[in-house]
């Protein structure tokens, strides 16, 4: 809570079809939540292999971040499903 940032970049071990993000490490989950809480803008960064997956710890709900940055191999069906939940996806 002592720190603020303009943008928090958060990684994800999984992103389910509702846009929720996940990790396998409880410590990372807690740190990522704190970073997101203290940032003006939250960007999730994850490669396409993580989409449609869940893992042990839910980190962020789809309304707790502003953008997902990923590679071009994300399935079009998954992209459409995430847009239904108002998640913005940028292909890098």
N, C-alpha and C. Protein backbone atom coordinates (compact mmCIF):
# COMPACT_ATOMS: atom_id res chain seq x y z
N UNK A 1 0.80 -1.20 0.00
CA UNK A 1 0.00 0.00 0.00
C UNK A 1 0.85 1.27 0.00
N UNK A 2 2.12 1.14 0.22
CA UNK A 2 2.99 2.31 0.21
C UNK A 2 3.33 2.76 -1.21
N UNK A 3 3.15 1.89 -2.16
CA UNK A 3 3.56 2.17 -3.52
C UNK A 3 2.36 2.33 -4.44
N UNK A 4 2.50 3.23 -5.40
CA UNK A 4 1.51 3.42 -6.46
C UNK A 4 2.24 3.32 -7.79
N UNK A 5 1.53 2.91 -8.80
CA UNK A 5 2.12 2.87 -10.12
C UNK A 5 1.06 3.25 -11.15
N UNK A 6 1.52 3.76 -12.24
CA UNK A 6 0.58 4.12 -13.31
C UNK A 6 0.05 2.85 -13.99
N UNK A 7 0.96 1.94 -14.34
CA UNK A 7 0.57 0.70 -15.02
C UNK A 7 1.18 -0.49 -14.30
N UNK A 8 0.35 -1.50 -14.04
CA UNK A 8 0.84 -2.77 -13.49
C UNK A 8 0.71 -3.83 -14.59
N UNK A 9 1.82 -4.48 -14.91
CA UNK A 9 1.81 -5.60 -15.85
C UNK A 9 1.76 -6.87 -15.03
N UNK A 10 0.73 -7.68 -15.23
CA UNK A 10 0.50 -8.89 -14.44
C UNK A 10 0.52 -10.09 -15.39
N UNK A 11 1.31 -11.08 -15.05
CA UNK A 11 1.34 -12.33 -15.82
C UNK A 11 0.22 -13.26 -15.38
N UNK A 12 -0.06 -14.27 -16.17
CA UNK A 12 -1.11 -15.24 -15.83
C UNK A 12 -0.70 -16.63 -16.29
N UNK A 13 -0.91 -17.62 -15.41
CA UNK A 13 -0.69 -19.01 -15.77
C UNK A 13 -1.92 -19.59 -16.46
N UNK A 14 -3.05 -18.89 -16.31
CA UNK A 14 -4.28 -19.32 -16.95
C UNK A 14 -5.25 -18.16 -17.06
N UNK A 15 -6.05 -18.18 -18.12
CA UNK A 15 -7.14 -17.22 -18.30
C UNK A 15 -8.35 -18.04 -18.76
N UNK A 16 -9.40 -18.07 -17.93
CA UNK A 16 -10.55 -18.89 -18.30
C UNK A 16 -11.42 -18.16 -19.33
N UNK A 17 -12.47 -18.82 -19.78
CA UNK A 17 -13.31 -18.26 -20.84
C UNK A 17 -14.15 -17.08 -20.38
N UNK A 18 -14.17 -16.82 -19.07
CA UNK A 18 -14.86 -15.64 -18.53
C UNK A 18 -13.90 -14.48 -18.32
N UNK A 19 -12.62 -14.68 -18.63
CA UNK A 19 -11.63 -13.63 -18.49
C UNK A 19 -10.96 -13.54 -17.14
N UNK A 20 -11.26 -14.47 -16.23
CA UNK A 20 -10.60 -14.50 -14.93
C UNK A 20 -9.17 -15.01 -15.11
N UNK A 21 -8.23 -14.44 -14.34
CA UNK A 21 -6.83 -14.87 -14.45
C UNK A 21 -6.45 -15.74 -13.26
N UNK A 22 -5.47 -16.63 -13.48
CA UNK A 22 -5.07 -17.60 -12.47
C UNK A 22 -3.55 -17.75 -12.44
N UNK A 23 -3.06 -18.23 -11.29
CA UNK A 23 -1.65 -18.60 -11.14
C UNK A 23 -1.56 -19.84 -10.26
N UNK A 24 -0.42 -20.49 -10.29
CA UNK A 24 -0.20 -21.68 -9.47
C UNK A 24 0.45 -21.36 -8.13
N UNK A 25 0.79 -20.10 -7.90
CA UNK A 25 1.56 -19.71 -6.72
C UNK A 25 0.77 -18.69 -5.89
N UNK A 26 0.41 -19.06 -4.68
CA UNK A 26 -0.38 -18.18 -3.81
C UNK A 26 0.34 -16.86 -3.52
N UNK A 27 1.67 -16.91 -3.38
CA UNK A 27 2.42 -15.67 -3.13
C UNK A 27 2.32 -14.72 -4.32
N UNK A 28 2.42 -15.26 -5.52
CA UNK A 28 2.29 -14.44 -6.73
C UNK A 28 0.87 -13.89 -6.84
N UNK A 29 -0.12 -14.70 -6.51
CA UNK A 29 -1.51 -14.25 -6.56
C UNK A 29 -1.71 -13.04 -5.64
N UNK A 30 -1.22 -13.13 -4.42
CA UNK A 30 -1.38 -12.03 -3.46
C UNK A 30 -0.63 -10.78 -3.91
N UNK A 31 0.58 -10.95 -4.40
CA UNK A 31 1.35 -9.81 -4.88
C UNK A 31 0.67 -9.16 -6.10
N UNK A 32 0.20 -9.97 -7.02
CA UNK A 32 -0.46 -9.44 -8.21
C UNK A 32 -1.73 -8.67 -7.85
N UNK A 33 -2.51 -9.17 -6.90
CA UNK A 33 -3.71 -8.46 -6.46
C UNK A 33 -3.36 -7.10 -5.87
N UNK A 34 -2.31 -7.07 -5.05
CA UNK A 34 -1.89 -5.80 -4.45
C UNK A 34 -1.41 -4.82 -5.51
N UNK A 35 -0.64 -5.32 -6.46
CA UNK A 35 -0.16 -4.45 -7.54
C UNK A 35 -1.34 -3.88 -8.32
N UNK A 36 -2.32 -4.72 -8.64
CA UNK A 36 -3.49 -4.27 -9.40
C UNK A 36 -4.28 -3.23 -8.61
N UNK A 37 -4.41 -3.44 -7.33
CA UNK A 37 -5.17 -2.52 -6.48
C UNK A 37 -4.53 -1.13 -6.44
N UNK A 38 -3.21 -1.06 -6.54
CA UNK A 38 -2.49 0.20 -6.41
C UNK A 38 -2.04 0.79 -7.75
N UNK A 39 -2.61 0.31 -8.82
CA UNK A 39 -2.25 0.81 -10.16
C UNK A 39 -3.42 1.57 -10.78
N UNK A 40 -3.08 2.53 -11.60
CA UNK A 40 -4.11 3.26 -12.33
C UNK A 40 -4.66 2.42 -13.48
N UNK A 41 -3.80 1.59 -14.04
CA UNK A 41 -4.17 0.74 -15.18
C UNK A 41 -3.52 -0.62 -15.00
N UNK A 42 -4.27 -1.69 -15.30
CA UNK A 42 -3.77 -3.05 -15.13
C UNK A 42 -3.81 -3.76 -16.49
N UNK A 43 -2.64 -4.30 -16.87
CA UNK A 43 -2.51 -5.02 -18.14
C UNK A 43 -2.05 -6.44 -17.83
N UNK A 44 -2.81 -7.41 -18.33
CA UNK A 44 -2.45 -8.82 -18.18
C UNK A 44 -1.66 -9.23 -19.41
N UNK A 45 -0.53 -9.89 -19.18
CA UNK A 45 0.33 -10.36 -20.27
C UNK A 45 0.41 -11.88 -20.19
N UNK A 46 0.04 -12.53 -21.30
CA UNK A 46 0.03 -13.99 -21.28
C UNK A 46 0.09 -14.52 -22.71
N UNK A 47 0.79 -15.64 -22.90
CA UNK A 47 0.82 -16.23 -24.23
C UNK A 47 -0.45 -17.04 -24.48
N UNK A 48 -0.69 -17.33 -25.73
CA UNK A 48 -1.95 -17.97 -26.14
C UNK A 48 -2.18 -19.35 -25.52
N UNK A 49 -1.14 -20.03 -25.10
CA UNK A 49 -1.32 -21.37 -24.52
C UNK A 49 -2.03 -21.33 -23.17
N UNK A 50 -2.13 -20.16 -22.57
CA UNK A 50 -2.75 -20.03 -21.23
C UNK A 50 -4.25 -19.83 -21.29
N UNK A 51 -4.79 -19.55 -22.46
CA UNK A 51 -6.22 -19.28 -22.58
C UNK A 51 -7.04 -20.56 -22.49
N UNK A 52 -8.21 -20.44 -21.83
CA UNK A 52 -9.07 -21.60 -21.63
C UNK A 52 -8.61 -22.47 -20.49
N UNK A 53 -7.69 -21.97 -19.66
CA UNK A 53 -7.14 -22.75 -18.55
C UNK A 53 -7.41 -22.07 -17.21
N UNK A 54 -7.49 -22.89 -16.20
CA UNK A 54 -7.53 -22.41 -14.82
C UNK A 54 -6.39 -23.07 -14.08
N UNK A 55 -5.98 -22.48 -12.98
CA UNK A 55 -5.01 -23.13 -12.11
C UNK A 55 -5.40 -22.86 -10.68
N UNK A 56 -4.54 -23.16 -9.74
CA UNK A 56 -4.88 -23.22 -8.33
C UNK A 56 -5.47 -21.93 -7.76
N UNK A 57 -4.90 -20.77 -8.06
CA UNK A 57 -5.29 -19.51 -7.41
C UNK A 57 -5.88 -18.53 -8.42
N UNK A 58 -7.11 -18.12 -8.16
CA UNK A 58 -7.67 -17.05 -8.98
C UNK A 58 -7.01 -15.74 -8.56
N UNK A 59 -6.61 -14.94 -9.53
CA UNK A 59 -5.91 -13.69 -9.25
C UNK A 59 -6.85 -12.50 -9.47
N UNK A 60 -7.31 -12.32 -10.69
CA UNK A 60 -8.14 -11.17 -11.03
C UNK A 60 -9.40 -11.62 -11.77
N UNK A 61 -10.49 -10.94 -11.48
CA UNK A 61 -11.72 -11.13 -12.26
C UNK A 61 -11.61 -10.28 -13.52
N UNK A 62 -12.44 -10.57 -14.47
CA UNK A 62 -12.35 -9.88 -15.76
C UNK A 62 -12.57 -8.37 -15.66
N UNK A 63 -13.23 -7.91 -14.63
CA UNK A 63 -13.47 -6.47 -14.49
C UNK A 63 -12.37 -5.77 -13.68
N UNK A 64 -11.32 -6.50 -13.29
CA UNK A 64 -10.25 -5.91 -12.48
C UNK A 64 -9.00 -5.56 -13.29
N UNK A 65 -9.06 -5.71 -14.60
CA UNK A 65 -7.95 -5.29 -15.45
C UNK A 65 -8.48 -4.63 -16.70
N UNK A 66 -7.59 -3.92 -17.39
CA UNK A 66 -8.01 -3.10 -18.53
C UNK A 66 -7.75 -3.73 -19.89
N UNK A 67 -6.75 -4.59 -19.97
CA UNK A 67 -6.31 -5.08 -21.27
C UNK A 67 -5.54 -6.39 -21.10
N UNK A 68 -5.65 -7.27 -22.11
CA UNK A 68 -4.81 -8.47 -22.19
C UNK A 68 -3.91 -8.29 -23.41
N UNK A 69 -2.62 -8.51 -23.22
CA UNK A 69 -1.68 -8.54 -24.35
C UNK A 69 -1.23 -9.98 -24.53
N UNK A 70 -1.33 -10.48 -25.75
CA UNK A 70 -0.98 -11.87 -26.03
C UNK A 70 -0.44 -11.99 -27.46
N UNK A 71 -0.14 -13.23 -27.85
CA UNK A 71 0.35 -13.47 -29.21
C UNK A 71 -0.81 -13.79 -30.15
N UNK A 72 -0.50 -13.94 -31.42
CA UNK A 72 -1.53 -14.09 -32.45
C UNK A 72 -2.15 -15.49 -32.53
N UNK A 73 -1.69 -16.42 -31.72
CA UNK A 73 -2.21 -17.78 -31.79
C UNK A 73 -3.46 -18.03 -30.95
N UNK A 74 -4.01 -16.98 -30.33
CA UNK A 74 -5.24 -17.15 -29.55
C UNK A 74 -6.37 -17.51 -30.49
N UNK A 75 -7.09 -18.57 -30.16
CA UNK A 75 -8.21 -19.03 -30.96
C UNK A 75 -9.26 -17.93 -31.10
N UNK A 76 -9.81 -17.77 -32.30
CA UNK A 76 -10.81 -16.72 -32.56
C UNK A 76 -12.05 -16.89 -31.69
N UNK A 77 -12.44 -18.13 -31.42
CA UNK A 77 -13.60 -18.39 -30.57
C UNK A 77 -13.36 -17.86 -29.16
N UNK A 78 -12.16 -18.05 -28.65
CA UNK A 78 -11.82 -17.55 -27.32
C UNK A 78 -11.83 -16.02 -27.32
N UNK A 79 -11.28 -15.41 -28.34
CA UNK A 79 -11.29 -13.94 -28.43
C UNK A 79 -12.71 -13.40 -28.43
N UNK A 80 -13.59 -14.02 -29.20
CA UNK A 80 -14.99 -13.58 -29.24
C UNK A 80 -15.65 -13.74 -27.87
N UNK A 81 -15.39 -14.85 -27.24
CA UNK A 81 -15.98 -15.10 -25.91
C UNK A 81 -15.52 -14.06 -24.89
N UNK A 82 -14.25 -13.71 -24.92
CA UNK A 82 -13.73 -12.71 -23.99
C UNK A 82 -14.29 -11.33 -24.29
N UNK A 83 -14.51 -11.02 -25.55
CA UNK A 83 -15.09 -9.72 -25.89
C UNK A 83 -16.51 -9.59 -25.38
N UNK A 84 -17.23 -10.70 -25.27
CA UNK A 84 -18.57 -10.69 -24.68
C UNK A 84 -18.50 -10.19 -23.24
N UNK A 85 -17.41 -10.52 -22.56
CA UNK A 85 -17.20 -10.08 -21.18
C UNK A 85 -16.51 -8.72 -21.11
N UNK A 86 -16.43 -8.04 -22.26
CA UNK A 86 -15.86 -6.69 -22.36
C UNK A 86 -14.35 -6.64 -22.11
N UNK A 87 -13.66 -7.77 -22.32
CA UNK A 87 -12.21 -7.79 -22.19
C UNK A 87 -11.57 -7.35 -23.49
N UNK A 88 -10.68 -6.39 -23.41
CA UNK A 88 -9.95 -5.93 -24.59
C UNK A 88 -8.69 -6.79 -24.74
N UNK A 89 -8.46 -7.23 -25.96
CA UNK A 89 -7.28 -8.06 -26.25
C UNK A 89 -6.46 -7.37 -27.32
N UNK A 90 -5.18 -7.25 -27.05
CA UNK A 90 -4.26 -6.70 -28.04
C UNK A 90 -3.25 -7.77 -28.43
N UNK A 91 -3.08 -7.97 -29.73
CA UNK A 91 -2.15 -8.96 -30.23
C UNK A 91 -0.81 -8.26 -30.45
N UNK A 92 0.23 -8.81 -29.82
CA UNK A 92 1.57 -8.20 -29.95
C UNK A 92 2.40 -8.97 -30.94
